[in-house]
Protein backbone atom coordinates (compact mmCIF):
# COMPACT_ATOMS: atom_id res chain seq x y z
CA MET A 1 -0.34 -0.59 -0.03
CA SER A 2 1.89 2.78 -1.50
CA SER A 3 2.46 6.02 -0.02
CA SER A 4 1.21 9.23 -2.24
CA SER A 5 3.74 11.47 -3.97
CA SER A 6 3.43 15.09 -5.45
CA HIS A 7 2.57 13.74 -9.31
CA PRO A 8 -1.04 15.30 -9.63
CA HIS A 9 -2.87 11.85 -9.83
CA ALA A 10 -2.03 11.44 -6.32
CA ARG A 11 -3.35 14.62 -5.83
CA LEU A 12 -6.47 14.04 -7.13
CA ILE A 13 -6.92 11.04 -5.70
CA GLN A 14 -6.61 12.59 -2.12
CA GLN A 15 -9.18 15.25 -3.46
CA ALA A 16 -11.65 13.15 -4.35
CA ALA A 17 -11.73 10.69 -1.55
CA LYS A 18 -11.21 13.62 1.14
CA GLU A 19 -14.34 15.16 -0.31
CA ILE A 20 -16.25 11.74 -0.89
CA LEU A 21 -15.57 9.47 1.90
CA ALA A 22 -14.26 11.95 4.40
CA PRO A 23 -17.93 13.28 5.20
CA LEU A 24 -18.61 9.48 6.10
CA GLY A 25 -16.01 9.55 8.45
CA VAL A 26 -13.76 7.72 6.66
CA PHE A 27 -10.35 8.48 7.89
CA GLN A 28 -6.66 9.07 5.32
CA ARG A 29 -4.20 6.36 6.89
CA GLY A 30 -0.89 8.94 6.97
CA ARG A 31 -0.13 10.11 3.35
CA SER A 32 -0.86 6.93 1.83
CA ARG A 33 -3.66 5.58 -0.44
CA LEU A 34 -5.18 3.79 2.08
CA TRP A 35 -8.61 5.32 3.54
CA ILE A 36 -10.12 3.24 6.77
CA ASP A 37 -13.65 3.14 7.88
CA ASP A 38 -13.02 2.41 11.72
CA HIS A 39 -15.58 0.10 13.74
CA GLY A 40 -13.90 -0.43 16.80
CA GLY A 41 -13.62 -4.58 16.14
CA TRP A 42 -13.02 -4.37 12.17
CA LEU A 43 -12.52 -1.84 9.86
CA THR A 44 -13.59 -0.92 6.13
CA LEU A 45 -10.31 -1.00 4.08
CA ILE A 46 -10.44 1.21 0.99
CA GLU A 47 -7.07 0.94 -1.29
CA PHE A 48 -6.15 3.31 -4.05
CA GLN A 49 -3.85 0.98 -5.39
CA PRO A 50 -1.24 1.87 -8.04
CA SER A 51 0.19 0.14 -10.63
CA SER A 52 3.62 -0.61 -11.63
CA TRP A 53 3.24 -0.07 -14.62
CA SER A 54 1.07 3.15 -15.23
CA LYS A 55 0.05 6.24 -13.23
CA GLY A 56 -3.78 6.31 -12.30
CA SER A 57 -5.79 3.42 -9.22
CA TYR A 58 -7.56 0.35 -8.75
CA LEU A 59 -10.07 0.32 -6.32
CA ASN A 60 -9.98 -2.22 -3.33
CA VAL A 61 -12.96 -2.30 -0.54
CA ALA A 62 -13.08 -5.07 2.26
CA ALA A 63 -13.55 -5.62 5.00
CA MET A 64 -10.47 -6.66 7.55
CA TRP A 65 -11.44 -8.16 11.51
CA LEU A 66 -9.29 -7.02 13.86
CA TRP A 67 -9.44 -10.18 16.34
CA ASN A 68 -6.71 -11.24 14.08
CA GLU A 69 -3.58 -10.17 16.03
CA ARG A 70 -1.25 -8.65 12.57
CA ASP A 71 1.17 -5.89 11.94
CA TYR A 72 -0.38 -5.56 8.57
CA PHE A 73 -3.24 -4.89 7.22
CA SER A 74 -5.81 -7.48 5.26
CA PHE A 75 -8.44 -7.86 2.97
CA ASP A 76 -10.40 -10.56 4.91
CA VAL A 77 -14.01 -10.10 2.65
CA GLY A 78 -13.76 -8.57 -0.18
CA HIS A 79 -11.31 -7.13 -2.66
CA ARG A 80 -11.17 -5.28 -6.21
CA ALA A 81 -13.71 -2.84 -6.50
CA ARG A 82 -12.93 -1.57 -9.60
CA GLY A 83 -10.78 -1.71 -12.30
CA PHE A 84 -7.54 0.25 -13.22
CA VAL A 85 -8.41 3.56 -14.15
CA ALA A 86 -5.42 5.38 -15.84
CA TYR A 87 -3.84 8.90 -15.49
CA GLU A 88 -3.36 11.02 -18.84
CA ASN A 89 -4.20 14.62 -17.88
CA GLU A 90 -6.15 16.21 -15.08
CA ALA A 91 -9.04 16.81 -17.16
CA GLN A 92 -9.83 13.14 -17.90
CA PHE A 93 -8.81 12.08 -14.52
CA GLN A 94 -10.46 13.88 -12.49
CA PRO A 95 -13.75 12.96 -13.18
CA GLU A 96 -13.02 8.93 -13.43
CA ILE A 97 -11.74 9.15 -9.88
CA ALA A 98 -14.26 10.75 -8.78
CA ARG A 99 -16.24 7.96 -9.94
CA GLN A 100 -13.87 5.45 -8.31
CA ALA A 101 -14.57 7.75 -4.95
CA ILE A 102 -17.95 7.31 -5.39
CA ALA A 103 -18.08 3.49 -5.89
CA ALA A 104 -15.78 3.59 -2.80
CA ARG A 105 -18.74 5.38 -0.64
CA GLU A 106 -21.41 3.18 -1.97
CA ARG A 107 -19.12 0.15 -1.02
CA VAL A 108 -18.81 1.40 2.42
CA LEU A 109 -22.47 2.26 3.31
CA GLU A 110 -22.89 -1.56 1.71
CA PHE A 111 -21.21 -2.95 4.19
CA ARG A 112 -22.54 -0.89 6.97
CA LYS A 113 -25.89 -1.50 6.51
CA GLN A 114 -24.33 -5.91 5.41
CA PHE A 115 -22.92 -5.93 9.31
CA PRO A 116 -24.45 -3.48 12.02
CA SER A 117 -23.94 -6.12 14.19
CA ILE A 118 -21.48 -8.97 15.43
CA ASP A 119 -24.83 -11.23 14.66
CA GLY A 120 -24.78 -10.12 11.32
CA ILE A 121 -20.70 -11.26 11.02
CA ALA A 122 -21.47 -14.03 12.47
CA GLN A 123 -24.33 -15.12 10.00
CA PHE A 124 -21.92 -14.11 7.29
CA LEU A 125 -19.00 -15.97 7.68
CA LYS A 126 -21.21 -19.24 8.97
CA LYS A 127 -22.47 -19.48 5.41
CA ASN A 128 -19.55 -18.33 3.08
CA ALA A 129 -16.64 -19.55 5.10
CA LYS A 130 -14.78 -21.69 2.72
CA GLU A 131 -14.55 -25.53 3.98
CA ARG A 132 -10.90 -26.04 3.20
CA ASN A 133 -9.99 -22.14 4.18
CA PRO A 134 -8.77 -22.02 8.00
CA HIS A 135 -8.90 -18.48 7.80
CA GLN A 136 -12.06 -18.28 7.07
CA LEU A 137 -13.24 -20.92 8.89
CA LEU A 138 -11.84 -19.31 12.97
CA ASP A 139 -13.27 -16.31 11.64
CA ALA A 140 -17.06 -18.04 12.03
CA ALA A 141 -15.86 -20.07 14.93
CA ILE A 142 -14.84 -16.62 16.80
CA ALA A 143 -17.93 -15.06 15.37
CA LEU A 144 -20.22 -17.46 16.59
CA VAL A 145 -19.14 -17.90 19.90
CA TYR A 146 -19.16 -14.22 20.25
CA VAL A 147 -22.72 -14.06 19.50
CA GLY A 148 -23.47 -17.13 22.14
CA LYS A 149 -23.89 -20.30 19.47
CA VAL A 150 -20.90 -22.14 20.87
CA LYS A 151 -22.50 -25.36 19.30
CA ASP A 152 -22.36 -23.69 15.85
CA SER A 153 -18.62 -22.84 17.06
CA ARG A 154 -17.89 -26.20 17.82
CA ALA A 155 -18.69 -28.03 14.67
CA VAL A 156 -16.77 -24.94 12.75
CA PHE A 157 -13.64 -25.55 15.10
CA ALA A 158 -13.91 -29.46 14.03
CA LYS A 159 -13.86 -28.69 10.62
CA ILE A 160 -10.69 -26.97 11.42
CA PHE A 161 -8.97 -29.67 13.35
CA SER A 162 -9.81 -31.96 10.78
CA GLN A 163 -7.52 -30.47 7.98
CA LYS A 164 -4.06 -31.95 8.04
CA PRO A 165 -1.77 -28.64 8.15
CA THR A 166 0.71 -28.68 5.39
CA TYR A 167 2.42 -25.07 5.88
CA ASP A 168 3.12 -23.17 8.75
CA TRP A 169 0.61 -20.74 8.41
CA GLU A 170 -1.73 -23.83 8.53
CA LYS A 171 -0.24 -24.88 11.57
CA ASP A 172 -0.78 -21.45 13.18
CA VAL A 173 -4.02 -21.44 12.83
CA GLN A 174 -4.94 -24.37 14.13
CA ASN A 175 -2.86 -23.80 17.21
CA ARG A 176 -4.33 -20.82 17.81
CA ALA A 177 -7.89 -22.40 17.38
CA ARG A 178 -6.97 -24.97 20.08
CA GLN A 179 -6.13 -22.27 22.77
CA LEU A 180 -9.49 -20.49 21.94
CA GLU A 181 -11.31 -23.84 22.22
CA GLU A 182 -10.37 -24.52 25.38
CA LEU A 183 -12.39 -21.24 26.61
CA LEU A 184 -15.67 -22.40 25.00
CA ASN A 185 -17.30 -23.34 28.22
CA ASP A 186 -16.20 -19.63 29.81
CA PRO A 187 -18.02 -17.32 27.27
CA ALA A 188 -16.66 -14.72 29.11
CA ALA A 189 -13.29 -15.36 28.76
CA PHE A 190 -13.83 -16.27 25.30
CA ARG A 191 -14.88 -12.41 24.55
CA LYS A 192 -12.13 -10.78 26.68
CA ARG A 193 -9.38 -13.22 25.26
CA ILE A 194 -11.16 -11.81 21.62
CA GLU A 195 -10.87 -7.39 22.68
CA GLN A 196 -7.70 -8.18 24.08
CA ALA A 197 -6.75 -9.37 20.33
CA VAL A 198 -8.61 -6.05 19.25
CA LEU A 199 -6.54 -3.82 21.07
CA THR A 200 -3.17 -5.60 20.34
CA THR A 201 -3.59 -4.86 16.34
CA ARG A 202 -5.03 -1.72 17.40
CA LYS A 203 -1.80 -1.24 18.29
CA LEU A 204 -0.15 -2.55 16.06
CA LEU A 205 -1.28 -0.83 13.26
CA LYS A 206 -1.41 2.40 15.14
CA LEU A 207 -4.78 2.82 15.09
CA PRO A 208 -7.00 5.56 17.16
CA GLU A 209 -7.40 4.42 20.36
CA ARG A 210 -10.81 3.72 21.24
CA ALA A 211 -12.32 3.38 24.98
CA ASP A 212 -14.53 0.71 23.40
CA VAL A 213 -13.44 -2.41 21.00
CA ARG A 214 -16.56 -4.43 22.03
CA ILE A 215 -17.63 -6.36 18.86
CA SER A 216 -21.28 -4.77 19.17
């Protein structure tokens, strides 16, 4: 996720995002092309992604769950929202990047409507987690416990443990899943562990401090 430059196309991207996204409470990550809609326990990420070959921008929009302790931003649900818009000149690029920013605003509002609460997140993750994707399965298991559906969560944990890990990252997911599974009989301790993970991730990502990071 590259930082902005002094080139006119970078200025126009920032201007469009500021005019169209900022009124929603979406904020820019430093001087980068990444904008964030912060929900405490999760984020909507809006990235005006550069190309290695041409000046311009793709548009990526995705949700990121902060209960996974990471020091980097990840696209957990969603990704490419619009294709590449090349910069030719200011008159051509300004309306095109504005359309990208408008598309980003629409996706931000869609995510807010789709995930108004942890219940909506849990329902979505349970339905859409791929059977062979341990990351998605663990996200679903976490959200289900958080909304009190422990029985459903146990079934998802079982799917994680039924897989034979090949790569280190798969082993890491299983190890974390085992640690969390041990807390299933103590929902309060489980929620506390998840909220602590959210706090840790927010600190690692240098996100603004919030008094409440409960996933509501």
